[in-house]
Amino acid sequence: MRALELAKVAAAAEALRVKQFARRQGIRAGLAAAAALFLLALFAMLHVLGVVLLSLVVAPWLAVLIVLIVDLVIGGILGSLALSSKPGQVEREAAAIRRQSLAEAKAAATNLATIGQVAGLAIGFAGRRRVKASRAGKAWMIADLASRFVRKR
């Protein structure tokens, strides 16, 4: 009984920990969103500053055009870098390990199903011979049902 009570206390403590963790992460996400908003405003102000400084040298429309072209070039370079990203060595090795593990797990499951069928046949034959004794008959019947259950999965 004591173990069950301790398990309940542990589960309640874990639920409280997860709730507090989620609350803390939510607050962090909100603060990060606010920081991103202010950084976006800073970026816009830097553009305005660039246009104002360029308009001292060239016509205002030309200053805006220069800033737009610079933004387009920077955006194009960053976009092409993002599109040309290829998986690294670690990522390729992890994918290969995952494929191999899944193939071996599938083979193991197939072997387990085969073992279940063979065990079911063996228990079925032995169970039919021993049905006369009541305790042994019940045990063999339970074993036979269990092997059939394993075989179906």
C-alpha atoms as a PDB file:
ATOM      1  CA  MET A   1       0.000   0.000   0.000  1.00  0.00           C
ATOM      2  CA  ARG A   2       2.862   2.360   0.822  1.00  0.00           C
ATOM      3  CA  ALA A   3       4.320   1.925  -2.681  1.00  0.00           C
ATOM      4  CA  LEU A   4       0.996   2.927  -4.233  1.00  0.00           C
ATOM      5  CA  GLU A   5       0.803   6.059  -2.091  1.00  0.00           C
ATOM      6  CA  LEU A   6       4.361   6.978  -3.002  1.00  0.00           C
ATOM      7  CA  ALA A   7       3.557   6.476  -6.675  1.00  0.00           C
ATOM      8  CA  LYS A   8       0.538   8.786  -6.343  1.00  0.00           C
ATOM      9  CA  VAL A   9       2.666  11.452  -4.662  1.00  0.00           C
ATOM     10  CA  ALA A  10       5.304  11.104  -7.354  1.00  0.00           C
ATOM     11  CA  ALA A  11       2.667  11.427 -10.089  1.00  0.00           C
ATOM     12  CA  ALA A  12       1.187  14.532  -8.453  1.00  0.00           C
ATOM     13  CA  ALA A  13       4.655  16.070  -8.095  1.00  0.00           C
ATOM     14  CA  GLU A  14       5.416  15.339 -11.741  1.00  0.00           C
ATOM     15  CA  ALA A  15       2.101  16.870 -12.849  1.00  0.00           C
ATOM     16  CA  LEU A  16       2.893  20.005 -10.839  1.00  0.00           C
ATOM     17  CA  ARG A  17       6.395  20.153 -12.320  1.00  0.00           C
ATOM     18  CA  VAL A  18       5.082  19.838 -15.881  1.00  0.00           C
ATOM     19  CA  LYS A  19       2.430  22.510 -15.232  1.00  0.00           C
ATOM     20  CA  GLN A  20       5.020  24.950 -13.876  1.00  0.00           C
ATOM     21  CA  PHE A  21       7.380  24.141 -16.746  1.00  0.00           C
ATOM     22  CA  ALA A  22       4.642  24.833 -19.305  1.00  0.00           C
ATOM     23  CA  ARG A  23       3.773  28.110 -17.551  1.00  0.00           C
ATOM     24  CA  ARG A  24       7.407  29.201 -17.551  1.00  0.00           C
ATOM     25  CA  GLN A  25       7.821  28.297 -21.223  1.00  0.00           C
ATOM     26  CA  GLY A  26       4.647  30.226 -22.097  1.00  0.00           C
ATOM     27  CA  ILE A  27       5.964  33.332 -20.371  1.00  0.00           C
ATOM     28  CA  ARG A  28       9.302  32.934 -22.132  1.00  0.00           C
ATOM     29  CA  ALA A  29       7.545  32.611 -25.505  1.00  0.00           C
ATOM     30  CA  GLY A  30       5.553  35.801 -24.862  1.00  0.00           C
ATOM     31  CA  LEU A  31       8.671  37.719 -23.893  1.00  0.00           C
ATOM     32  CA  ALA A  32      10.494  36.418 -26.966  1.00  0.00           C
ATOM     33  CA  ALA A  33       7.613  37.560 -29.187  1.00  0.00           C
ATOM     34  CA  ALA A  34       7.749  41.047 -27.638  1.00  0.00           C
ATOM     35  CA  ALA A  35      11.527  41.164 -28.138  1.00  0.00           C
ATOM     36  CA  ALA A  36      11.105  40.102 -31.775  1.00  0.00           C
ATOM     37  CA  LEU A  37       8.576  42.897 -32.292  1.00  0.00           C
ATOM     38  CA  PHE A  38      10.989  45.504 -30.949  1.00  0.00           C
ATOM     39  CA  LEU A  39      13.833  44.106 -33.052  1.00  0.00           C
ATOM     40  CA  LEU A  40      11.614  44.333 -36.126  1.00  0.00           C
ATOM     41  CA  ALA A  41      10.890  47.977 -35.277  1.00  0.00           C
ATOM     42  CA  LEU A  42      14.647  48.566 -34.899  1.00  0.00           C
ATOM     43  CA  PHE A  43      15.247  47.022 -38.310  1.00  0.00           C
ATOM     44  CA  ALA A  44      12.609  49.287 -39.862  1.00  0.00           C
ATOM     45  CA  MET A  45      14.165  52.349 -38.218  1.00  0.00           C
ATOM     46  CA  LEU A  46      17.577  51.385 -39.588  1.00  0.00           C
ATOM     47  CA  HIS A  47      16.052  51.345 -43.056  1.00  0.00           C
ATOM     48  CA  VAL A  48      14.526  54.775 -42.500  1.00  0.00           C
ATOM     49  CA  LEU A  49      17.893  56.057 -41.274  1.00  0.00           C
ATOM     50  CA  GLY A  50      19.583  54.630 -44.368  1.00  0.00           C
ATOM     51  CA  VAL A  51      17.066  56.311 -46.666  1.00  0.00           C
ATOM     52  CA  VAL A  52      17.433  59.664 -44.850  1.00  0.00           C
ATOM     53  CA  LEU A  53      21.226  59.542 -44.999  1.00  0.00           C
ATOM     54  CA  LEU A  54      21.218  58.555 -48.672  1.00  0.00           C
ATOM     55  CA  SER A  55      18.720  61.298 -49.500  1.00  0.00           C
ATOM     56  CA  LEU A  56      21.338  63.838 -48.368  1.00  0.00           C
ATOM     57  CA  VAL A  57      23.526  62.672 -51.254  1.00  0.00           C
ATOM     58  CA  VAL A  58      20.996  61.612 -53.931  1.00  0.00           C
ATOM     59  CA  ALA A  59      17.337  62.256 -54.695  1.00  0.00           C
ATOM     60  CA  PRO A  60      14.899  60.765 -52.139  1.00  0.00           C
ATOM     61  CA  TRP A  61      13.312  58.360 -54.632  1.00  0.00           C
ATOM     62  CA  LEU A  62      16.768  57.126 -55.609  1.00  0.00           C
ATOM     63  CA  ALA A  63      17.697  56.630 -51.936  1.00  0.00           C
ATOM     64  CA  VAL A  64      14.583  54.464 -51.421  1.00  0.00           C
ATOM     65  CA  LEU A  65      15.399  52.520 -54.592  1.00  0.00           C
ATOM     66  CA  ILE A  66      18.976  51.877 -53.426  1.00  0.00           C
ATOM     67  CA  VAL A  67      17.777  50.581 -50.026  1.00  0.00           C
ATOM     68  CA  LEU A  68      15.204  48.343 -51.758  1.00  0.00           C
ATOM     69  CA  ILE A  69      17.831  46.906 -54.116  1.00  0.00           C
ATOM     70  CA  VAL A  70      20.230  46.241 -51.219  1.00  0.00           C
ATOM     71  CA  ASP A  71      17.410  44.487 -49.331  1.00  0.00           C
ATOM     72  CA  LEU A  72      16.576  42.439 -52.428  1.00  0.00           C
ATOM     73  CA  VAL A  73      20.194  41.344 -52.897  1.00  0.00           C
ATOM     74  CA  ILE A  74      20.631  40.418 -49.210  1.00  0.00           C
ATOM     75  CA  GLY A  75      17.293  38.580 -49.194  1.00  0.00           C
ATOM     76  CA  GLY A  76      18.220  36.698 -52.376  1.00  0.00           C
ATOM     77  CA  ILE A  77      21.579  35.618 -50.977  1.00  0.00           C
ATOM     78  CA  LEU A  78      20.063  34.448 -47.676  1.00  0.00           C
ATOM     79  CA  GLY A  79      17.203  32.694 -49.495  1.00  0.00           C
ATOM     80  CA  SER A  80      19.538  30.835 -51.825  1.00  0.00           C
ATOM     81  CA  LEU A  81      21.662  29.733 -48.847  1.00  0.00           C
ATOM     82  CA  ALA A  82      18.528  28.453 -47.099  1.00  0.00           C
ATOM     83  CA  LEU A  83      17.403  26.512 -50.183  1.00  0.00           C
ATOM     84  CA  SER A  84      20.789  24.951 -50.843  1.00  0.00           C
ATOM     85  CA  SER A  85      21.166  23.484 -47.355  1.00  0.00           C
ATOM     86  CA  LYS A  86      21.980  19.776 -47.555  1.00  0.00           C
ATOM     87  CA  PRO A  87      21.931  17.241 -44.710  1.00  0.00           C
ATOM     88  CA  GLY A  88      25.216  16.943 -42.853  1.00  0.00           C
ATOM     89  CA  GLN A  89      27.201  13.822 -42.037  1.00  0.00           C
ATOM     90  CA  VAL A  90      25.579  13.332 -38.617  1.00  0.00           C
ATOM     91  CA  GLU A  91      22.074  13.691 -40.080  1.00  0.00           C
ATOM     92  CA  ARG A  92      22.802  11.148 -42.835  1.00  0.00           C
ATOM     93  CA  GLU A  93      24.271   8.659 -40.341  1.00  0.00           C
ATOM     94  CA  ALA A  94      21.295   9.085 -37.990  1.00  0.00           C
ATOM     95  CA  ALA A  95      18.884   8.401 -40.865  1.00  0.00           C
ATOM     96  CA  ALA A  96      20.830   5.270 -41.820  1.00  0.00           C
ATOM     97  CA  ILE A  97      20.788   4.022 -38.221  1.00  0.00           C
ATOM     98  CA  ARG A  98      17.034   4.691 -38.005  1.00  0.00           C
ATOM     99  CA  ARG A  99      16.383   2.728 -41.228  1.00  0.00           C
ATOM    100  CA  GLN A 100      18.529  -0.177 -40.017  1.00  0.00           C
ATOM    101  CA  SER A 101      16.871  -0.210 -36.579  1.00  0.00           C
ATOM    102  CA  LEU A 102      13.384  -0.232 -38.092  1.00  0.00           C
ATOM    103  CA  ALA A 103      14.327  -3.059 -40.453  1.00  0.00           C
ATOM    104  CA  GLU A 104      15.733  -5.114 -37.567  1.00  0.00           C
ATOM    105  CA  ALA A 105      12.678  -4.370 -35.411  1.00  0.00           C
ATOM    106  CA  LYS A 106      10.415  -5.536 -38.227  1.00  0.00           C
ATOM    107  CA  ALA A 107      12.455  -8.721 -38.602  1.00  0.00           C
ATOM    108  CA  ALA A 108      12.333  -9.318 -34.842  1.00  0.00           C
ATOM    109  CA  ALA A 109       8.558  -8.823 -34.825  1.00  0.00           C
ATOM    110  CA  THR A 110       8.228 -11.307 -37.679  1.00  0.00           C
ATOM    111  CA  ASN A 111      10.378 -13.809 -35.781  1.00  0.00           C
ATOM    112  CA  LEU A 112       8.298 -13.291 -32.630  1.00  0.00           C
ATOM    113  CA  ALA A 113       5.100 -13.939 -34.570  1.00  0.00           C
ATOM    114  CA  THR A 114       6.596 -17.116 -36.028  1.00  0.00           C
ATOM    115  CA  ILE A 115       7.680 -18.275 -32.570  1.00  0.00           C
ATOM    116  CA  GLY A 116       4.156 -17.551 -31.314  1.00  0.00           C
ATOM    117  CA  GLN A 117       2.649 -19.701 -34.048  1.00  0.00           C
ATOM    118  CA  VAL A 118       5.040 -22.576 -33.398  1.00  0.00           C
ATOM    119  CA  ALA A 119       4.451 -22.317 -29.645  1.00  0.00           C
ATOM    120  CA  GLY A 120       0.719 -22.247 -30.267  1.00  0.00           C
ATOM    121  CA  LEU A 121       0.903 -25.432 -32.287  1.00  0.00           C
ATOM    122  CA  ALA A 122       3.089 -27.161 -29.694  1.00  0.00           C
ATOM    123  CA  ILE A 123       0.901 -26.080 -26.792  1.00  0.00           C
ATOM    124  CA  GLY A 124      -2.212 -26.958 -28.735  1.00  0.00           C
ATOM    125  CA  PHE A 125      -1.046 -30.526 -29.348  1.00  0.00           C
ATOM    126  CA  ALA A 126       0.186 -30.989 -25.787  1.00  0.00           C
ATOM    127  CA  GLY A 127      -2.936 -29.373 -24.352  1.00  0.00           C
ATOM    128  CA  ARG A 128      -5.288 -31.660 -26.178  1.00  0.00           C
ATOM    129  CA  ARG A 129      -3.545 -34.696 -24.709  1.00  0.00           C
ATOM    130  CA  ARG A 130      -3.697 -33.373 -21.118  1.00  0.00           C
ATOM    131  CA  VAL A 131      -7.232 -32.045 -20.961  1.00  0.00           C
ATOM    132  CA  LYS A 132      -8.241 -35.005 -18.800  1.00  0.00           C
ATOM    133  CA  ALA A 133      -6.598 -33.616 -15.632  1.00  0.00           C
ATOM    134  CA  SER A 134      -8.600 -30.551 -14.570  1.00  0.00           C
ATOM    135  CA  ARG A 135      -5.804 -28.270 -13.282  1.00  0.00           C
ATOM    136  CA  ALA A 136      -3.420 -29.166 -16.068  1.00  0.00           C
ATOM    137  CA  GLY A 137      -6.220 -28.852 -18.607  1.00  0.00           C
ATOM    138  CA  LYS A 138      -7.028 -25.317 -17.469  1.00  0.00           C
ATOM    139  CA  ALA A 139      -3.372 -24.283 -17.537  1.00  0.00           C
ATOM    140  CA  TRP A 140      -2.890 -25.683 -21.027  1.00  0.00           C
ATOM    141  CA  MET A 141      -6.076 -24.016 -22.191  1.00  0.00           C
ATOM    142  CA  ILE A 142      -4.855 -20.645 -20.858  1.00  0.00           C
ATOM    143  CA  ALA A 143      -1.460 -21.196 -22.487  1.00  0.00           C
ATOM    144  CA  ASP A 144      -3.190 -22.115 -25.747  1.00  0.00           C
ATOM    145  CA  LEU A 145      -5.310 -18.945 -25.651  1.00  0.00           C
ATOM    146  CA  ALA A 146      -2.249 -16.837 -24.853  1.00  0.00           C
ATOM    147  CA  SER A 147      -0.322 -18.331 -27.769  1.00  0.00           C
ATOM    148  CA  ARG A 148      -3.238 -17.648 -30.104  1.00  0.00           C
ATOM    149  CA  PHE A 149      -3.349 -14.051 -28.871  1.00  0.00           C
ATOM    150  CA  VAL A 150       0.387 -13.650 -29.552  1.00  0.00           C
ATOM    151  CA  ARG A 151      -0.030 -15.259 -32.942  1.00  0.00           C
ATOM    152  CA  LYS A 152      -2.763 -12.793 -34.012  1.00  0.00           C
ATOM    153  CA  ARG A 153      -0.590  -9.769 -33.268  1.00  0.00           C
END
